[in-house]
Amino acid sequence: MPQPTPDDEQFFRDIGSLGATANAARDEGLPPVVREVLDGIAAEQAADISRNHGSGGGTG
């Protein structure tokens, strides 16, 4: 089994961060404006992951 590279480790940290932000954005106990801000942050994180870790290939 191959060993993870530093890029792999960063990718997994980025995915974990995105997951935490996306989950927080769905927290109905937060005010709508906060959820909206978190939603925007999650979108920026997803774009960063795509830009930094994406292959640009796609599947279809």
PDB file of N, CA and C in Angstrom:
ATOM      1  N   MET A   1       0.853  -1.175   0.000  1.00  0.00           N
ATOM      2  CA  MET A   1       0.000   0.000   0.000  1.00  0.00           C
ATOM      3  C   MET A   1       0.901   1.242   0.000  1.00  0.00           C
ATOM      4  N   PRO A   2       0.652   2.191  -0.895  1.00  0.00           N
ATOM      5  CA  PRO A   2       1.505   3.387  -0.960  1.00  0.00           C
ATOM      6  C   PRO A   2       1.358   4.266   0.278  1.00  0.00           C
ATOM      7  N   GLN A   3       2.440   4.927   0.624  1.00  0.00           N
ATOM      8  CA  GLN A   3       2.421   5.853   1.750  1.00  0.00           C
ATOM      9  C   GLN A   3       1.835   7.190   1.303  1.00  0.00           C
ATOM     10  N   PRO A   4       1.054   7.841   2.167  1.00  0.00           N
ATOM     11  CA  PRO A   4       0.507   9.155   1.810  1.00  0.00           C
ATOM     12  C   PRO A   4       1.630  10.178   1.634  1.00  0.00           C
ATOM     13  N   THR A   5       1.446  11.056   0.697  1.00  0.00           N
ATOM     14  CA  THR A   5       2.400  12.130   0.457  1.00  0.00           C
ATOM     15  C   THR A   5       1.929  13.377   1.207  1.00  0.00           C
ATOM     16  N   PRO A   6       2.793  14.384   1.336  1.00  0.00           N
ATOM     17  CA  PRO A   6       2.329  15.635   1.959  1.00  0.00           C
ATOM     18  C   PRO A   6       1.110  16.220   1.245  1.00  0.00           C
ATOM     19  N   ASP A   7       1.058  16.072  -0.092  1.00  0.00           N
ATOM     20  CA  ASP A   7      -0.115  16.561  -0.824  1.00  0.00           C
ATOM     21  C   ASP A   7      -1.376  15.801  -0.421  1.00  0.00           C
ATOM     22  N   ASP A   8      -1.238  14.495  -0.203  1.00  0.00           N
ATOM     23  CA  ASP A   8      -2.380  13.696   0.244  1.00  0.00           C
ATOM     24  C   ASP A   8      -2.859  14.177   1.607  1.00  0.00           C
ATOM     25  N   GLU A   9      -1.906  14.404   2.500  1.00  0.00           N
ATOM     26  CA  GLU A   9      -2.264  14.854   3.846  1.00  0.00           C
ATOM     27  C   GLU A   9      -2.998  16.196   3.794  1.00  0.00           C
ATOM     28  N   GLN A  10      -2.515  17.116   2.956  1.00  0.00           N
ATOM     29  CA  GLN A  10      -3.173  18.415   2.825  1.00  0.00           C
ATOM     30  C   GLN A  10      -4.572  18.251   2.244  1.00  0.00           C
ATOM     31  N   PHE A  11      -4.713  17.365   1.262  1.00  0.00           N
ATOM     32  CA  PHE A  11      -6.012  17.102   0.652  1.00  0.00           C
ATOM     33  C   PHE A  11      -7.012  16.633   1.715  1.00  0.00           C
ATOM     34  N   PHE A  12      -6.587  15.683   2.554  1.00  0.00           N
ATOM     35  CA  PHE A  12      -7.492  15.168   3.572  1.00  0.00           C
ATOM     36  C   PHE A  12      -7.827  16.225   4.617  1.00  0.00           C
ATOM     37  N   ARG A  13      -6.878  17.079   4.965  1.00  0.00           N
ATOM     38  CA  ARG A  13      -7.170  18.189   5.884  1.00  0.00           C
ATOM     39  C   ARG A  13      -8.181  19.141   5.247  1.00  0.00           C
ATOM     40  N   ASP A  14      -7.989  19.437   3.951  1.00  0.00           N
ATOM     41  CA  ASP A  14      -8.906  20.340   3.254  1.00  0.00           C
ATOM     42  C   ASP A  14     -10.317  19.755   3.190  1.00  0.00           C
ATOM     43  N   ILE A  15     -10.423  18.467   2.903  1.00  0.00           N
ATOM     44  CA  ILE A  15     -11.735  17.809   2.835  1.00  0.00           C
ATOM     45  C   ILE A  15     -12.404  17.826   4.209  1.00  0.00           C
ATOM     46  N   GLY A  16     -11.638  17.563   5.261  1.00  0.00           N
ATOM     47  CA  GLY A  16     -12.185  17.597   6.618  1.00  0.00           C
ATOM     48  C   GLY A  16     -12.702  18.979   6.984  1.00  0.00           C
ATOM     49  N   SER A  17     -11.952  19.984   6.604  1.00  0.00           N
ATOM     50  CA  SER A  17     -12.361  21.356   6.878  1.00  0.00           C
ATOM     51  C   SER A  17     -13.637  21.706   6.119  1.00  0.00           C
ATOM     52  N   LEU A  18     -13.703  21.301   4.863  1.00  0.00           N
ATOM     53  CA  LEU A  18     -14.904  21.541   4.056  1.00  0.00           C
ATOM     54  C   LEU A  18     -16.108  20.850   4.691  1.00  0.00           C
ATOM     55  N   GLY A  19     -15.934  19.620   5.130  1.00  0.00           N
ATOM     56  CA  GLY A  19     -17.036  18.885   5.760  1.00  0.00           C
ATOM     57  C   GLY A  19     -17.534  19.574   7.013  1.00  0.00           C
ATOM     58  N   ALA A  20     -16.602  20.046   7.825  1.00  0.00           N
ATOM     59  CA  ALA A  20     -16.993  20.735   9.062  1.00  0.00           C
ATOM     60  C   ALA A  20     -17.752  22.017   8.750  1.00  0.00           C
ATOM     61  N   THR A  21     -17.286  22.760   7.760  1.00  0.00           N
ATOM     62  CA  THR A  21     -17.956  24.018   7.401  1.00  0.00           C
ATOM     63  C   THR A  21     -19.337  23.742   6.820  1.00  0.00           C
ATOM     64  N   ALA A  22     -19.422  22.743   5.939  1.00  0.00           N
ATOM     65  CA  ALA A  22     -20.715  22.408   5.328  1.00  0.00           C
ATOM     66  C   ALA A  22     -21.715  21.950   6.388  1.00  0.00           C
ATOM     67  N   ASN A  23     -21.255  21.161   7.353  1.00  0.00           N
ATOM     68  CA  ASN A  23     -22.150  20.720   8.430  1.00  0.00           C
ATOM     69  C   ASN A  23     -22.606  21.892   9.283  1.00  0.00           C
ATOM     70  N   ALA A  24     -21.706  22.798   9.594  1.00  0.00           N
ATOM     71  CA  ALA A  24     -22.070  23.975  10.388  1.00  0.00           C
ATOM     72  C   ALA A  24     -23.090  24.827   9.643  1.00  0.00           C
ATOM     73  N   ALA A  25     -22.963  24.907   8.322  1.00  0.00           N
ATOM     74  CA  ALA A  25     -23.892  25.709   7.526  1.00  0.00           C
ATOM     75  C   ALA A  25     -25.312  25.146   7.572  1.00  0.00           C
ATOM     76  N   ARG A  26     -25.433  23.885   7.928  1.00  0.00           N
ATOM     77  CA  ARG A  26     -26.753  23.247   7.999  1.00  0.00           C
ATOM     78  C   ARG A  26     -27.354  23.281   9.407  1.00  0.00           C
ATOM     79  N   ASP A  27     -26.622  23.843  10.355  1.00  0.00           N
ATOM     80  CA  ASP A  27     -27.076  23.884  11.748  1.00  0.00           C
ATOM     81  C   ASP A  27     -28.236  24.864  11.869  1.00  0.00           C
ATOM     82  N   GLU A  28     -29.425  24.328  12.047  1.00  0.00           N
ATOM     83  CA  GLU A  28     -30.622  25.170  12.100  1.00  0.00           C
ATOM     84  C   GLU A  28     -30.698  26.011  13.362  1.00  0.00           C
ATOM     85  N   GLY A  29     -29.814  25.762  14.332  1.00  0.00           N
ATOM     86  CA  GLY A  29     -29.780  26.565  15.535  1.00  0.00           C
ATOM     87  C   GLY A  29     -29.051  27.887  15.345  1.00  0.00           C
ATOM     88  N   LEU A  30     -28.339  28.005  14.240  1.00  0.00           N
ATOM     89  CA  LEU A  30     -27.613  29.244  13.946  1.00  0.00           C
ATOM     90  C   LEU A  30     -28.524  30.234  13.219  1.00  0.00           C
ATOM     91  N   PRO A  31     -28.280  31.522  13.382  1.00  0.00           N
ATOM     92  CA  PRO A  31     -29.063  32.515  12.633  1.00  0.00           C
ATOM     93  C   PRO A  31     -28.855  32.329  11.123  1.00  0.00           C
ATOM     94  N   PRO A  32     -29.878  32.604  10.335  1.00  0.00           N
ATOM     95  CA  PRO A  32     -29.779  32.430   8.884  1.00  0.00           C
ATOM     96  C   PRO A  32     -28.584  33.158   8.256  1.00  0.00           C
ATOM     97  N   VAL A  33     -28.262  34.352   8.749  1.00  0.00           N
ATOM     98  CA  VAL A  33     -27.151  35.096   8.160  1.00  0.00           C
ATOM     99  C   VAL A  33     -25.822  34.360   8.391  1.00  0.00           C
ATOM    100  N   VAL A  34     -25.666  33.737   9.544  1.00  0.00           N
ATOM    101  CA  VAL A  34     -24.446  32.981   9.836  1.00  0.00           C
ATOM    102  C   VAL A  34     -24.375  31.750   8.935  1.00  0.00           C
ATOM    103  N   ARG A  35     -25.498  31.081   8.773  1.00  0.00           N
ATOM    104  CA  ARG A  35     -25.533  29.900   7.888  1.00  0.00           C
ATOM    105  C   ARG A  35     -25.207  30.291   6.452  1.00  0.00           C
ATOM    106  N   GLU A  36     -25.677  31.444   6.037  1.00  0.00           N
ATOM    107  CA  GLU A  36     -25.391  31.921   4.685  1.00  0.00           C
ATOM    108  C   GLU A  36     -23.894  32.197   4.501  1.00  0.00           C
ATOM    109  N   VAL A  37     -23.285  32.818   5.515  1.00  0.00           N
ATOM    110  CA  VAL A  37     -21.844  33.087   5.458  1.00  0.00           C
ATOM    111  C   VAL A  37     -21.068  31.766   5.399  1.00  0.00           C
ATOM    112  N   LEU A  38     -21.452  30.811   6.253  1.00  0.00           N
ATOM    113  CA  LEU A  38     -20.778  29.519   6.255  1.00  0.00           C
ATOM    114  C   LEU A  38     -20.944  28.803   4.923  1.00  0.00           C
ATOM    115  N   ASP A  39     -22.106  28.945   4.312  1.00  0.00           N
ATOM    116  CA  ASP A  39     -22.350  28.355   2.993  1.00  0.00           C
ATOM    117  C   ASP A  39     -21.381  28.939   1.965  1.00  0.00           C
ATOM    118  N   GLY A  40     -21.175  30.243   2.022  1.00  0.00           N
ATOM    119  CA  GLY A  40     -20.236  30.891   1.116  1.00  0.00           C
ATOM    120  C   GLY A  40     -18.807  30.429   1.352  1.00  0.00           C
ATOM    121  N   ILE A  41     -18.449  30.265   2.614  1.00  0.00           N
ATOM    122  CA  ILE A  41     -17.108  29.781   2.943  1.00  0.00           C
ATOM    123  C   ILE A  41     -16.917  28.364   2.415  1.00  0.00           C
ATOM    124  N   ALA A  42     -17.935  27.515   2.578  1.00  0.00           N
ATOM    125  CA  ALA A  42     -17.856  26.146   2.074  1.00  0.00           C
ATOM    126  C   ALA A  42     -17.683  26.134   0.557  1.00  0.00           C
ATOM    127  N   ALA A  43     -18.383  27.013  -0.130  1.00  0.00           N
ATOM    128  CA  ALA A  43     -18.242  27.089  -1.591  1.00  0.00           C
ATOM    129  C   ALA A  43     -16.823  27.507  -1.977  1.00  0.00           C
ATOM    130  N   GLU A  44     -16.253  28.449  -1.230  1.00  0.00           N
ATOM    131  CA  GLU A  44     -14.873  28.872  -1.502  1.00  0.00           C
ATOM    132  C   GLU A  44     -13.891  27.736  -1.220  1.00  0.00           C
ATOM    133  N   GLN A  45     -14.130  27.000  -0.135  1.00  0.00           N
ATOM    134  CA  GLN A  45     -13.261  25.867   0.184  1.00  0.00           C
ATOM    135  C   GLN A  45     -13.326  24.804  -0.923  1.00  0.00           C
ATOM    136  N   ALA A  46     -14.524  24.524  -1.405  1.00  0.00           N
ATOM    137  CA  ALA A  46     -14.679  23.534  -2.472  1.00  0.00           C
ATOM    138  C   ALA A  46     -13.948  23.984  -3.734  1.00  0.00           C
ATOM    139  N   ALA A  47     -14.044  25.262  -4.060  1.00  0.00           N
ATOM    140  CA  ALA A  47     -13.344  25.781  -5.236  1.00  0.00           C
ATOM    141  C   ALA A  47     -11.829  25.680  -5.048  1.00  0.00           C
ATOM    142  N   ASP A  48     -11.358  25.976  -3.837  1.00  0.00           N
ATOM    143  CA  ASP A  48      -9.921  25.860  -3.550  1.00  0.00           C
ATOM    144  C   ASP A  48      -9.446  24.420  -3.696  1.00  0.00           C
ATOM    145  N   ILE A  49     -10.232  23.470  -3.195  1.00  0.00           N
ATOM    146  CA  ILE A  49      -9.870  22.065  -3.304  1.00  0.00           C
ATOM    147  C   ILE A  49      -9.803  21.665  -4.765  1.00  0.00           C
ATOM    148  N   SER A  50     -10.770  22.068  -5.527  1.00  0.00           N
ATOM    149  CA  SER A  50     -10.781  21.758  -6.958  1.00  0.00           C
ATOM    150  C   SER A  50      -9.564  22.354  -7.662  1.00  0.00           C
ATOM    151  N   ARG A  51      -9.268  23.566  -7.329  1.00  0.00           N
ATOM    152  CA  ARG A  51      -8.135  24.268  -7.965  1.00  0.00           C
ATOM    153  C   ARG A  51      -6.797  23.646  -7.540  1.00  0.00           C
ATOM    154  N   ASN A  52      -6.677  23.322  -6.260  1.00  0.00           N
ATOM    155  CA  ASN A  52      -5.397  22.849  -5.734  1.00  0.00           C
ATOM    156  C   ASN A  52      -5.172  21.351  -5.886  1.00  0.00           C
ATOM    157  N   HIS A  53      -6.252  20.575  -5.946  1.00  0.00           N
ATOM    158  CA  HIS A  53      -6.106  19.132  -5.935  1.00  0.00           C
ATOM    159  C   HIS A  53      -6.795  18.442  -7.105  1.00  0.00           C
ATOM    160  N   GLY A  54      -7.557  19.198  -7.899  1.00  0.00           N
ATOM    161  CA  GLY A  54      -8.305  18.585  -8.989  1.00  0.00           C
ATOM    162  C   GLY A  54      -7.404  18.140 -10.122  1.00  0.00           C
ATOM    163  N   SER A  55      -7.839  17.100 -10.801  1.00  0.00           N
ATOM    164  CA  SER A  55      -7.056  16.601 -11.927  1.00  0.00           C
ATOM    165  C   SER A  55      -7.430  17.313 -13.216  1.00  0.00           C
ATOM    166  N   GLY A  56      -8.585  17.961 -13.200  1.00  0.00           N
ATOM    167  CA  GLY A  56      -9.038  18.631 -14.414  1.00  0.00           C
ATOM    168  C   GLY A  56      -9.606  17.683 -15.438  1.00  0.00           C
ATOM    169  N   GLY A  57      -9.704  16.404 -15.085  1.00  0.00           N
ATOM    170  CA  GLY A  57     -10.148  15.400 -16.038  1.00  0.00           C
ATOM    171  C   GLY A  57     -11.645  15.258 -16.118  1.00  0.00           C
ATOM    172  N   GLY A  58     -12.294  15.099 -15.003  1.00  0.00           N
ATOM    173  CA  GLY A  58     -13.731  14.857 -14.986  1.00  0.00           C
ATOM    174  C   GLY A  58     -14.025  13.422 -15.366  1.00  0.00           C
ATOM    175  N   THR A  59     -15.302  13.043 -15.245  1.00  0.00           N
ATOM    176  CA  THR A  59     -15.678  11.658 -15.552  1.00  0.00           C
ATOM    177  C   THR A  59     -16.690  11.570 -16.677  1.00  0.00           C
ATOM    178  N   GLY A  60     -17.103  12.677 -17.179  1.00  0.00           N
ATOM    179  CA  GLY A  60     -18.131  12.547 -18.196  1.00  0.00           C
ATOM    180  C   GLY A  60     -18.049  13.574 -19.161  1.00  0.00           C
TER     181      GLY A  60
END
